């Protein structure tokens, strides 16, 4: 199911090129994540935030005066402050934006992440899963004509811990808050 969802999201991203929309824009964004793993089983330092870099490219396709679709490809450093729970992803968010005004928008969409790195001495229970699926919501402000700022919250929908370890009954989902700035051509 995960592979078919990833294939569907990639197909959607590249299928966007066929949309006959006016005012398509391309750009990049860079910012900081405050991420953690949300779990009732983690205590102490294990539930503290990790601050990491997020950087990526985007394409924005206007669907109407108020709506646009924004597929992105981004690198995101996530996990917890604890080194054993750190991981980095290559992510594909597909953001649907609603422009409340000419400068303010709200947005939401799905996001799939491909794990590209994890701490070498990770906890045994930390999942070796390759994919992380999340839901994203946020707000954005166009500061100038081509410059923007956005604030997002992403909540993971998959368990980041091993499900096949009966001695450890731990559930946890990734979550992060992103603050970023960007530039569109």
N, C-alpha and C. Protein backbone atom coordinates (compact mmCIF):
# COMPACT_ATOMS: atom_id res chain seq x y z
N UNK A 1 0.82 -1.19 0.00
CA UNK A 1 0.00 0.00 0.00
C UNK A 1 0.87 1.26 0.00
N UNK A 2 1.98 1.21 0.78
CA UNK A 2 2.86 2.37 0.85
C UNK A 2 3.46 2.70 -0.51
N UNK A 3 3.86 1.64 -1.25
CA UNK A 3 4.45 1.88 -2.56
C UNK A 3 3.43 2.45 -3.53
N UNK A 4 2.18 1.97 -3.46
CA UNK A 4 1.17 2.49 -4.38
C UNK A 4 0.80 3.92 -4.02
N UNK A 5 0.82 4.28 -2.72
CA UNK A 5 0.55 5.66 -2.32
C UNK A 5 1.68 6.57 -2.79
N UNK A 6 2.93 6.13 -2.62
CA UNK A 6 4.07 6.91 -3.10
C UNK A 6 3.98 7.09 -4.61
N UNK A 7 3.68 6.03 -5.35
CA UNK A 7 3.55 6.12 -6.79
C UNK A 7 2.44 7.10 -7.17
N UNK A 8 1.32 7.05 -6.45
CA UNK A 8 0.20 7.95 -6.72
C UNK A 8 0.58 9.40 -6.49
N UNK A 9 1.31 9.67 -5.41
CA UNK A 9 1.72 11.05 -5.12
C UNK A 9 2.71 11.57 -6.16
N UNK A 10 3.65 10.71 -6.56
CA UNK A 10 4.61 11.14 -7.58
C UNK A 10 3.90 11.37 -8.91
N UNK A 11 2.97 10.49 -9.25
CA UNK A 11 2.20 10.66 -10.48
C UNK A 11 1.41 11.96 -10.44
N UNK A 12 0.81 12.27 -9.29
CA UNK A 12 0.07 13.52 -9.13
C UNK A 12 1.00 14.71 -9.31
N UNK A 13 2.18 14.64 -8.72
CA UNK A 13 3.12 15.76 -8.84
C UNK A 13 3.49 16.02 -10.29
N UNK A 14 3.83 14.97 -11.02
CA UNK A 14 4.22 15.16 -12.40
C UNK A 14 3.02 15.39 -13.31
N UNK A 15 1.85 14.92 -12.92
CA UNK A 15 0.64 15.16 -13.68
C UNK A 15 0.19 16.60 -13.62
N UNK A 16 0.65 17.31 -12.60
CA UNK A 16 0.30 18.72 -12.46
C UNK A 16 0.79 19.52 -13.67
N UNK A 17 1.85 19.05 -14.30
CA UNK A 17 2.38 19.76 -15.46
C UNK A 17 1.37 19.85 -16.60
N UNK A 18 0.39 18.98 -16.61
CA UNK A 18 -0.60 19.01 -17.67
C UNK A 18 -1.73 19.98 -17.38
N UNK A 19 -1.77 20.54 -16.18
CA UNK A 19 -2.82 21.50 -15.84
C UNK A 19 -2.59 22.78 -16.66
N UNK A 20 -3.62 23.22 -17.34
CA UNK A 20 -3.53 24.45 -18.13
C UNK A 20 -3.88 25.62 -17.21
N UNK A 21 -2.95 25.98 -16.36
CA UNK A 21 -3.19 27.02 -15.36
C UNK A 21 -2.37 28.26 -15.71
N UNK A 22 -2.90 29.40 -15.36
CA UNK A 22 -2.19 30.65 -15.57
C UNK A 22 -1.34 30.95 -14.35
N UNK A 23 -0.22 31.63 -14.57
CA UNK A 23 0.60 32.12 -13.48
C UNK A 23 1.33 31.06 -12.69
N UNK A 24 1.81 30.02 -13.32
CA UNK A 24 2.60 29.02 -12.62
C UNK A 24 3.91 29.65 -12.15
N UNK A 25 4.32 29.29 -10.93
CA UNK A 25 5.55 29.83 -10.36
C UNK A 25 6.39 28.69 -9.82
N UNK A 26 7.69 28.91 -9.79
CA UNK A 26 8.64 27.95 -9.26
C UNK A 26 9.51 28.66 -8.26
N UNK A 27 9.99 27.93 -7.27
CA UNK A 27 10.82 28.59 -6.28
C UNK A 27 11.46 27.63 -5.31
N UNK A 28 11.97 28.19 -4.24
CA UNK A 28 12.59 27.40 -3.19
C UNK A 28 12.23 27.98 -1.84
N UNK A 29 12.37 27.14 -0.80
CA UNK A 29 12.11 27.57 0.56
C UNK A 29 13.17 26.96 1.47
N UNK A 30 13.49 27.69 2.54
CA UNK A 30 14.46 27.22 3.52
C UNK A 30 13.94 27.64 4.90
N UNK A 31 14.18 26.77 5.88
CA UNK A 31 13.69 27.10 7.20
C UNK A 31 14.20 26.15 8.25
N UNK A 32 13.51 26.16 9.38
CA UNK A 32 13.90 25.34 10.53
C UNK A 32 12.70 24.51 10.99
N UNK A 33 12.99 23.28 11.39
CA UNK A 33 12.02 22.37 11.99
C UNK A 33 12.22 22.34 13.49
N UNK A 34 11.15 22.26 14.23
CA UNK A 34 11.17 21.85 15.63
C UNK A 34 10.39 20.54 15.62
N UNK A 35 11.11 19.42 15.68
CA UNK A 35 10.46 18.12 15.51
C UNK A 35 10.64 17.27 16.75
N UNK A 36 9.75 16.29 16.89
CA UNK A 36 9.84 15.32 17.97
C UNK A 36 9.04 14.09 17.58
N UNK A 37 9.06 13.12 18.46
CA UNK A 37 8.25 11.92 18.27
C UNK A 37 7.18 11.94 19.34
N UNK A 38 5.94 11.92 18.93
CA UNK A 38 4.81 11.98 19.84
C UNK A 38 4.48 10.57 20.32
N UNK A 39 4.72 10.33 21.62
CA UNK A 39 4.48 9.00 22.17
C UNK A 39 4.19 9.11 23.66
N UNK A 40 3.25 8.32 24.13
CA UNK A 40 2.98 8.25 25.57
C UNK A 40 4.04 7.43 26.28
N UNK A 41 4.85 6.68 25.54
CA UNK A 41 5.85 5.78 26.13
C UNK A 41 7.21 6.43 26.33
N UNK A 42 7.46 7.60 25.75
CA UNK A 42 8.76 8.26 25.87
C UNK A 42 8.76 9.21 27.05
N UNK A 43 9.84 9.18 27.80
CA UNK A 43 9.96 10.07 28.96
C UNK A 43 11.31 10.76 28.95
N UNK A 44 11.46 11.72 29.83
CA UNK A 44 12.74 12.40 29.98
C UNK A 44 13.17 13.13 28.73
N UNK A 45 14.47 13.01 28.42
CA UNK A 45 15.04 13.69 27.26
C UNK A 45 14.52 13.15 25.93
N UNK A 46 13.91 11.97 25.95
CA UNK A 46 13.48 11.36 24.70
C UNK A 46 12.33 12.08 24.03
N UNK A 47 11.64 12.95 24.76
CA UNK A 47 10.53 13.67 24.12
C UNK A 47 10.86 15.13 23.84
N UNK A 48 12.15 15.49 23.91
CA UNK A 48 12.55 16.87 23.61
C UNK A 48 12.73 17.08 22.12
N UNK A 49 12.46 18.30 21.67
CA UNK A 49 12.53 18.65 20.25
C UNK A 49 13.94 18.61 19.70
N UNK A 50 14.02 18.26 18.43
CA UNK A 50 15.24 18.42 17.65
C UNK A 50 15.01 19.60 16.72
N UNK A 51 15.97 20.48 16.62
CA UNK A 51 15.89 21.60 15.69
C UNK A 51 16.76 21.26 14.50
N UNK A 52 16.17 21.31 13.31
CA UNK A 52 16.89 20.92 12.12
C UNK A 52 16.51 21.76 10.92
N UNK A 53 17.23 21.56 9.86
CA UNK A 53 17.07 22.31 8.63
C UNK A 53 16.00 21.69 7.74
N UNK A 54 15.23 22.55 7.07
CA UNK A 54 14.34 22.11 5.99
C UNK A 54 14.65 23.01 4.80
N UNK A 55 14.86 22.40 3.63
CA UNK A 55 15.16 23.16 2.42
C UNK A 55 14.58 22.39 1.23
N UNK A 56 14.01 23.12 0.28
CA UNK A 56 13.42 22.42 -0.84
C UNK A 56 13.01 23.31 -1.98
N UNK A 57 12.49 22.66 -3.01
CA UNK A 57 12.02 23.32 -4.21
C UNK A 57 10.53 23.14 -4.33
N UNK A 58 9.86 24.07 -5.01
CA UNK A 58 8.41 24.02 -5.14
C UNK A 58 7.98 24.50 -6.51
N UNK A 59 6.78 24.11 -6.86
CA UNK A 59 6.11 24.61 -8.05
C UNK A 59 4.69 24.94 -7.61
N UNK A 60 4.20 26.10 -8.00
CA UNK A 60 2.84 26.49 -7.64
C UNK A 60 2.02 26.70 -8.90
N UNK A 61 0.89 26.00 -8.97
CA UNK A 61 0.02 26.05 -10.14
C UNK A 61 -1.33 26.62 -9.70
N UNK A 62 -1.70 27.74 -10.28
CA UNK A 62 -2.99 28.35 -9.96
C UNK A 62 -4.11 27.53 -10.59
N UNK A 63 -5.06 27.15 -9.77
CA UNK A 63 -6.23 26.41 -10.24
C UNK A 63 -7.40 27.35 -10.48
N UNK A 64 -7.42 28.46 -9.73
CA UNK A 64 -8.43 29.51 -9.87
C UNK A 64 -7.87 30.76 -9.20
N UNK A 65 -8.71 31.78 -9.04
CA UNK A 65 -8.25 33.00 -8.37
C UNK A 65 -7.87 32.74 -6.91
N UNK A 66 -8.54 31.81 -6.28
CA UNK A 66 -8.35 31.55 -4.84
C UNK A 66 -7.56 30.28 -4.54
N UNK A 67 -7.57 29.31 -5.43
CA UNK A 67 -6.97 28.00 -5.16
C UNK A 67 -5.72 27.77 -5.99
N UNK A 68 -4.74 27.10 -5.36
CA UNK A 68 -3.54 26.68 -6.10
C UNK A 68 -3.04 25.36 -5.53
N UNK A 69 -2.27 24.65 -6.35
CA UNK A 69 -1.67 23.39 -5.96
C UNK A 69 -0.16 23.57 -5.95
N UNK A 70 0.48 23.14 -4.86
CA UNK A 70 1.91 23.37 -4.70
C UNK A 70 2.63 22.07 -4.33
N UNK A 71 3.11 21.31 -5.31
CA UNK A 71 3.95 20.16 -5.00
C UNK A 71 5.36 20.64 -4.67
N UNK A 72 6.00 19.93 -3.75
CA UNK A 72 7.34 20.31 -3.31
C UNK A 72 8.22 19.07 -3.22
N UNK A 73 9.51 19.29 -3.23
CA UNK A 73 10.50 18.27 -2.94
C UNK A 73 11.45 18.92 -1.95
N UNK A 74 11.57 18.32 -0.73
CA UNK A 74 12.37 18.98 0.30
C UNK A 74 13.16 17.97 1.14
N UNK A 75 14.28 18.46 1.69
CA UNK A 75 15.07 17.74 2.67
C UNK A 75 14.62 18.23 4.04
N UNK A 76 14.47 17.32 5.00
CA UNK A 76 14.02 17.69 6.33
C UNK A 76 14.74 16.87 7.39
N UNK A 77 15.42 17.56 8.32
CA UNK A 77 16.10 16.92 9.45
C UNK A 77 15.10 16.83 10.60
N UNK A 78 14.77 15.60 11.03
CA UNK A 78 13.71 15.40 12.00
C UNK A 78 14.13 14.43 13.10
N UNK A 79 13.20 14.09 13.95
CA UNK A 79 13.43 13.17 15.05
C UNK A 79 13.36 13.89 16.37
N UNK A 80 14.14 13.41 17.35
CA UNK A 80 14.19 14.01 18.68
C UNK A 80 15.58 14.55 18.97
N UNK A 81 15.69 15.27 20.07
CA UNK A 81 16.99 15.79 20.50
C UNK A 81 17.96 14.63 20.76
N UNK A 82 17.45 13.54 21.29
CA UNK A 82 18.25 12.34 21.56
C UNK A 82 18.83 11.82 20.23
N UNK A 83 20.14 11.65 20.18
CA UNK A 83 20.80 11.23 18.94
C UNK A 83 20.26 9.91 18.41
N UNK A 84 19.85 9.01 19.30
CA UNK A 84 19.36 7.70 18.89
C UNK A 84 18.03 7.78 18.14
N UNK A 85 17.37 8.93 18.18
CA UNK A 85 16.06 9.08 17.53
C UNK A 85 16.09 10.15 16.44
N UNK A 86 17.24 10.35 15.83
CA UNK A 86 17.36 11.33 14.75
C UNK A 86 17.28 10.64 13.40
N UNK A 87 16.62 11.31 12.47
CA UNK A 87 16.51 10.79 11.10
C UNK A 87 16.28 11.95 10.15
N UNK A 88 16.69 11.78 8.91
CA UNK A 88 16.50 12.80 7.89
C UNK A 88 15.70 12.21 6.73
N UNK A 89 14.86 13.05 6.13
CA UNK A 89 13.96 12.59 5.08
C UNK A 89 14.09 13.45 3.83
N UNK A 90 13.80 12.82 2.71
CA UNK A 90 13.52 13.51 1.47
C UNK A 90 11.99 13.42 1.35
N UNK A 91 11.31 14.57 1.37
CA UNK A 91 9.85 14.59 1.47
C UNK A 91 9.20 15.18 0.23
N UNK A 92 7.99 14.70 -0.01
CA UNK A 92 7.17 15.17 -1.12
C UNK A 92 5.81 15.61 -0.56
N UNK A 93 5.68 16.88 -0.16
CA UNK A 93 4.36 17.38 0.23
C UNK A 93 3.59 17.83 -1.01
N UNK A 94 2.30 17.56 -1.02
CA UNK A 94 1.40 18.05 -2.08
C UNK A 94 0.42 18.98 -1.38
N UNK A 95 0.64 20.27 -1.51
CA UNK A 95 -0.09 21.29 -0.73
C UNK A 95 -1.19 21.92 -1.58
N UNK A 96 -2.40 21.92 -1.05
CA UNK A 96 -3.52 22.64 -1.65
C UNK A 96 -3.68 23.94 -0.87
N UNK A 97 -3.55 25.06 -1.59
CA UNK A 97 -3.59 26.38 -0.94
C UNK A 97 -4.87 27.13 -1.27
N UNK A 98 -5.40 27.79 -0.26
CA UNK A 98 -6.54 28.68 -0.45
C UNK A 98 -6.08 30.09 -0.08
N UNK A 99 -6.13 31.00 -1.05
CA UNK A 99 -5.69 32.38 -0.84
C UNK A 99 -6.84 33.18 -0.25
N UNK A 100 -6.78 33.43 1.04
CA UNK A 100 -7.82 34.19 1.74
C UNK A 100 -7.83 35.63 1.24
N UNK A 101 -6.62 36.19 1.10
CA UNK A 101 -6.44 37.53 0.51
C UNK A 101 -5.31 37.43 -0.51
N UNK A 102 -4.91 38.55 -1.07
CA UNK A 102 -3.79 38.55 -2.02
C UNK A 102 -2.46 38.22 -1.35
N UNK A 103 -2.38 38.36 -0.02
CA UNK A 103 -1.12 38.12 0.68
C UNK A 103 -1.16 37.00 1.71
N UNK A 104 -2.34 36.54 2.10
CA UNK A 104 -2.47 35.52 3.16
C UNK A 104 -3.15 34.27 2.63
N UNK A 105 -2.58 33.09 2.96
CA UNK A 105 -3.17 31.83 2.54
C UNK A 105 -3.17 30.81 3.67
N UNK A 106 -4.05 29.85 3.56
CA UNK A 106 -4.06 28.66 4.42
C UNK A 106 -3.85 27.47 3.49
N UNK A 107 -3.21 26.46 4.01
CA UNK A 107 -2.92 25.32 3.14
C UNK A 107 -2.89 24.01 3.93
N UNK A 108 -3.10 22.92 3.19
CA UNK A 108 -3.10 21.58 3.78
C UNK A 108 -2.83 20.56 2.70
N UNK A 109 -2.39 19.38 3.12
CA UNK A 109 -2.19 18.31 2.16
C UNK A 109 -1.44 17.14 2.75
N UNK A 110 -1.28 16.08 1.95
CA UNK A 110 -0.52 14.91 2.39
C UNK A 110 0.97 15.11 2.13
N UNK A 111 1.75 14.31 2.83
CA UNK A 111 3.20 14.35 2.65
C UNK A 111 3.76 12.94 2.82
N UNK A 112 4.61 12.53 1.92
CA UNK A 112 5.30 11.26 2.05
C UNK A 112 6.78 11.56 2.19
N UNK A 113 7.44 10.87 3.12
CA UNK A 113 8.86 11.06 3.35
C UNK A 113 9.63 9.77 3.11
N UNK A 114 10.75 9.88 2.45
CA UNK A 114 11.65 8.76 2.20
C UNK A 114 12.86 8.94 3.12
N UNK A 115 13.07 8.00 4.03
CA UNK A 115 14.19 8.11 4.97
C UNK A 115 15.49 7.99 4.20
N UNK A 116 16.37 9.00 4.36
CA UNK A 116 17.66 8.96 3.66
C UNK A 116 18.82 8.84 4.63
N UNK A 117 18.56 8.99 5.94
CA UNK A 117 19.61 8.87 6.94
C UNK A 117 18.98 8.67 8.30
N UNK A 118 19.62 7.84 9.12
CA UNK A 118 19.25 7.73 10.53
C UNK A 118 20.52 7.53 11.33
N UNK A 119 20.47 7.88 12.60
CA UNK A 119 21.64 7.81 13.46
C UNK A 119 22.15 6.37 13.49
N UNK A 120 23.46 6.21 13.35
CA UNK A 120 24.08 4.89 13.26
C UNK A 120 23.80 4.01 14.47
N UNK A 121 23.86 4.57 15.67
CA UNK A 121 23.64 3.81 16.90
C UNK A 121 22.22 4.01 17.39
N UNK A 122 21.25 3.86 16.51
CA UNK A 122 19.85 4.11 16.86
C UNK A 122 19.35 3.09 17.88
N UNK A 123 18.28 3.43 18.57
CA UNK A 123 17.65 2.50 19.50
C UNK A 123 17.14 1.30 18.72
N UNK A 124 17.22 0.12 19.32
CA UNK A 124 16.78 -1.10 18.63
C UNK A 124 15.32 -1.03 18.20
N UNK A 125 14.50 -0.31 18.96
CA UNK A 125 13.07 -0.24 18.65
C UNK A 125 12.76 0.76 17.54
N UNK A 126 13.72 1.63 17.20
CA UNK A 126 13.46 2.64 16.19
C UNK A 126 13.25 1.96 14.85
N UNK A 127 12.14 2.23 14.23
CA UNK A 127 11.71 1.52 13.03
C UNK A 127 12.69 1.72 11.88
N UNK A 128 12.94 0.65 11.16
CA UNK A 128 13.77 0.72 9.96
C UNK A 128 12.92 1.02 8.73
N UNK A 129 11.68 1.39 8.95
CA UNK A 129 10.77 1.70 7.85
C UNK A 129 11.36 2.80 6.97
N UNK A 130 11.16 2.65 5.69
CA UNK A 130 11.72 3.59 4.73
C UNK A 130 10.84 4.82 4.56
N UNK A 131 9.53 4.68 4.76
CA UNK A 131 8.59 5.76 4.47
C UNK A 131 7.92 6.31 5.73
N UNK A 132 7.63 7.60 5.68
CA UNK A 132 6.86 8.26 6.74
C UNK A 132 5.76 9.05 6.05
N UNK A 133 4.53 8.81 6.42
CA UNK A 133 3.40 9.52 5.85
C UNK A 133 2.88 10.51 6.88
N UNK A 134 2.51 11.72 6.42
CA UNK A 134 2.06 12.76 7.34
C UNK A 134 0.98 13.61 6.71
N UNK A 135 0.24 14.29 7.54
CA UNK A 135 -0.71 15.31 7.12
C UNK A 135 -0.13 16.67 7.49
N UNK A 136 -0.26 17.63 6.61
CA UNK A 136 0.34 18.96 6.80
C UNK A 136 -0.75 20.03 6.75
N UNK A 137 -0.70 20.98 7.69
CA UNK A 137 -1.56 22.17 7.66
C UNK A 137 -0.68 23.38 7.93
N UNK A 138 -1.08 24.54 7.40
CA UNK A 138 -0.27 25.72 7.64
C UNK A 138 -0.89 26.99 7.14
N UNK A 139 -0.14 28.07 7.36
CA UNK A 139 -0.52 29.40 6.89
C UNK A 139 0.70 30.01 6.22
N UNK A 140 0.44 30.92 5.27
CA UNK A 140 1.51 31.60 4.58
C UNK A 140 1.19 33.05 4.32
N UNK A 141 2.23 33.85 4.23
CA UNK A 141 2.09 35.29 3.97
C UNK A 141 3.08 35.67 2.88
N UNK A 142 2.59 36.33 1.84
CA UNK A 142 3.47 36.90 0.82
C UNK A 142 3.96 38.24 1.32
N UNK A 143 5.21 38.31 1.71
CA UNK A 143 5.78 39.52 2.30
C UNK A 143 6.00 40.58 1.22
N UNK A 144 6.58 40.18 0.12
CA UNK A 144 6.77 41.02 -1.05
C UNK A 144 6.24 40.24 -2.24
N UNK A 145 6.39 40.77 -3.43
CA UNK A 145 5.84 40.11 -4.61
C UNK A 145 6.32 38.66 -4.75
N UNK A 146 7.61 38.41 -4.58
CA UNK A 146 8.15 37.07 -4.77
C UNK A 146 8.60 36.37 -3.49
N UNK A 147 8.67 37.09 -2.37
CA UNK A 147 9.11 36.52 -1.11
C UNK A 147 7.91 36.13 -0.24
N UNK A 148 8.03 34.99 0.44
CA UNK A 148 6.95 34.55 1.32
C UNK A 148 7.51 33.93 2.60
N UNK A 149 6.66 33.84 3.60
CA UNK A 149 6.95 33.18 4.87
C UNK A 149 5.81 32.21 5.12
N UNK A 150 6.14 31.00 5.58
CA UNK A 150 5.05 30.10 5.96
C UNK A 150 5.37 29.37 7.25
N UNK A 151 4.31 28.98 7.93
CA UNK A 151 4.38 28.24 9.18
C UNK A 151 3.51 27.00 9.01
N UNK A 152 4.09 25.82 9.26
CA UNK A 152 3.38 24.56 9.04
C UNK A 152 3.49 23.64 10.24
N UNK A 153 2.49 22.79 10.35
CA UNK A 153 2.51 21.71 11.33
C UNK A 153 2.29 20.41 10.58
N UNK A 154 3.16 19.44 10.81
CA UNK A 154 3.03 18.12 10.18
C UNK A 154 2.90 17.06 11.26
N UNK A 155 1.88 16.23 11.14
CA UNK A 155 1.67 15.13 12.08
C UNK A 155 1.81 13.82 11.34
N UNK A 156 2.77 13.01 11.78
CA UNK A 156 3.00 11.71 11.16
C UNK A 156 1.82 10.77 11.38
N UNK A 157 1.56 9.95 10.37
CA UNK A 157 0.45 9.01 10.43
C UNK A 157 0.93 7.57 10.58
N UNK A 158 2.25 7.35 10.57
CA UNK A 158 2.80 6.00 10.69
C UNK A 158 3.61 5.88 11.97
N UNK A 159 3.69 4.66 12.49
CA UNK A 159 4.45 4.37 13.70
C UNK A 159 5.94 4.33 13.35
N UNK A 160 6.77 5.05 14.10
CA UNK A 160 8.20 5.08 13.82
C UNK A 160 8.97 4.03 14.62
N UNK A 161 8.27 3.22 15.41
CA UNK A 161 8.91 2.16 16.18
C UNK A 161 8.53 0.80 15.61
N UNK A 162 9.41 -0.18 15.86
CA UNK A 162 9.18 -1.55 15.38
C UNK A 162 7.87 -2.10 15.94
N UNK A 163 7.06 -2.66 15.07
CA UNK A 163 5.82 -3.30 15.50
C UNK A 163 6.03 -4.77 15.86
N UNK A 164 7.16 -5.35 15.44
CA UNK A 164 7.37 -6.78 15.64
C UNK A 164 8.28 -7.09 16.83
N UNK A 165 8.39 -6.17 17.77
CA UNK A 165 9.19 -6.41 18.97
C UNK A 165 8.23 -6.55 20.15
N UNK A 166 7.82 -7.80 20.51
CA UNK A 166 6.83 -7.98 21.56
C UNK A 166 7.29 -7.48 22.92
N UNK A 167 8.60 -7.44 23.16
CA UNK A 167 9.09 -6.98 24.46
C UNK A 167 8.94 -5.47 24.62
N UNK A 168 8.84 -4.74 23.51
CA UNK A 168 8.69 -3.29 23.56
C UNK A 168 7.38 -2.91 22.87
N UNK A 169 6.44 -2.47 23.65
CA UNK A 169 5.15 -2.05 23.09
C UNK A 169 5.14 -0.52 23.04
N UNK A 170 5.81 0.03 22.03
CA UNK A 170 5.96 1.49 21.91
C UNK A 170 5.33 1.94 20.61
N UNK A 171 4.51 2.95 20.70
CA UNK A 171 3.96 3.61 19.51
C UNK A 171 4.42 5.05 19.51
N UNK A 172 4.74 5.56 18.34
CA UNK A 172 5.14 6.96 18.24
C UNK A 172 5.02 7.45 16.81
N UNK A 173 4.57 8.68 16.67
CA UNK A 173 4.46 9.31 15.36
C UNK A 173 5.33 10.55 15.34
N UNK A 174 5.90 10.81 14.17
CA UNK A 174 6.70 12.03 14.03
C UNK A 174 5.77 13.23 13.98
N UNK A 175 6.28 14.35 14.43
CA UNK A 175 5.55 15.61 14.33
C UNK A 175 6.58 16.72 14.24
N UNK A 176 6.22 17.79 13.56
CA UNK A 176 7.14 18.93 13.51
C UNK A 176 6.40 20.21 13.15
N UNK A 177 7.02 21.29 13.57
CA UNK A 177 6.57 22.63 13.20
C UNK A 177 7.68 23.22 12.36
N UNK A 178 7.32 23.75 11.19
CA UNK A 178 8.29 24.35 10.28
C UNK A 178 8.02 25.83 10.13
N UNK A 179 9.06 26.62 10.22
CA UNK A 179 8.99 28.05 9.89
C UNK A 179 10.00 28.25 8.77
N UNK A 180 9.50 28.77 7.64
CA UNK A 180 10.40 28.90 6.49
C UNK A 180 10.14 30.20 5.74
N UNK A 181 11.15 30.59 4.98
CA UNK A 181 11.04 31.71 4.06
C UNK A 181 11.30 31.16 2.66
N UNK A 182 10.80 31.84 1.66
CA UNK A 182 10.99 31.34 0.32
C UNK A 182 10.94 32.43 -0.73
N UNK A 183 11.32 32.03 -1.92
CA UNK A 183 11.34 32.94 -3.06
C UNK A 183 10.74 32.22 -4.26
N UNK A 184 9.80 32.87 -4.96
CA UNK A 184 9.18 32.31 -6.16
C UNK A 184 9.56 33.17 -7.37
N UNK A 185 9.88 32.51 -8.47
CA UNK A 185 10.21 33.20 -9.72
C UNK A 185 8.95 33.55 -10.47
